[in-house]
Amino acid sequence: MIMADNEQELSNKDISLLDLVDRILAKGVILKGDITISVADIDLIYLGLKVLLSNVDKAEELREHQWEKMKRGEA
């Protein structure tokens, strides 16, 4: 199997869990999903989920950006 240089570098690079969590919190990640609980093909419960994982500074930055978009009528 032939891998590009970048792919080989990424596969050989060890990242600790602390580094991974630090990167996720620094950039921010949004998880979005839907869960439907049904019995006998009858939907009983629907959950729409949105989760933001980030540090406080990034969350405030995203909130301000979203607020500006809402004021301009884009969101």
Foldseek 3Di string as FASTA:
>chain_A
DDDDPVVVVVVPDDDDPVNVLQVCQDQKDKDWDKDFDDDPPHTDDIDTDIDIRYDPVVVVVVVVVVVVCVVVVND
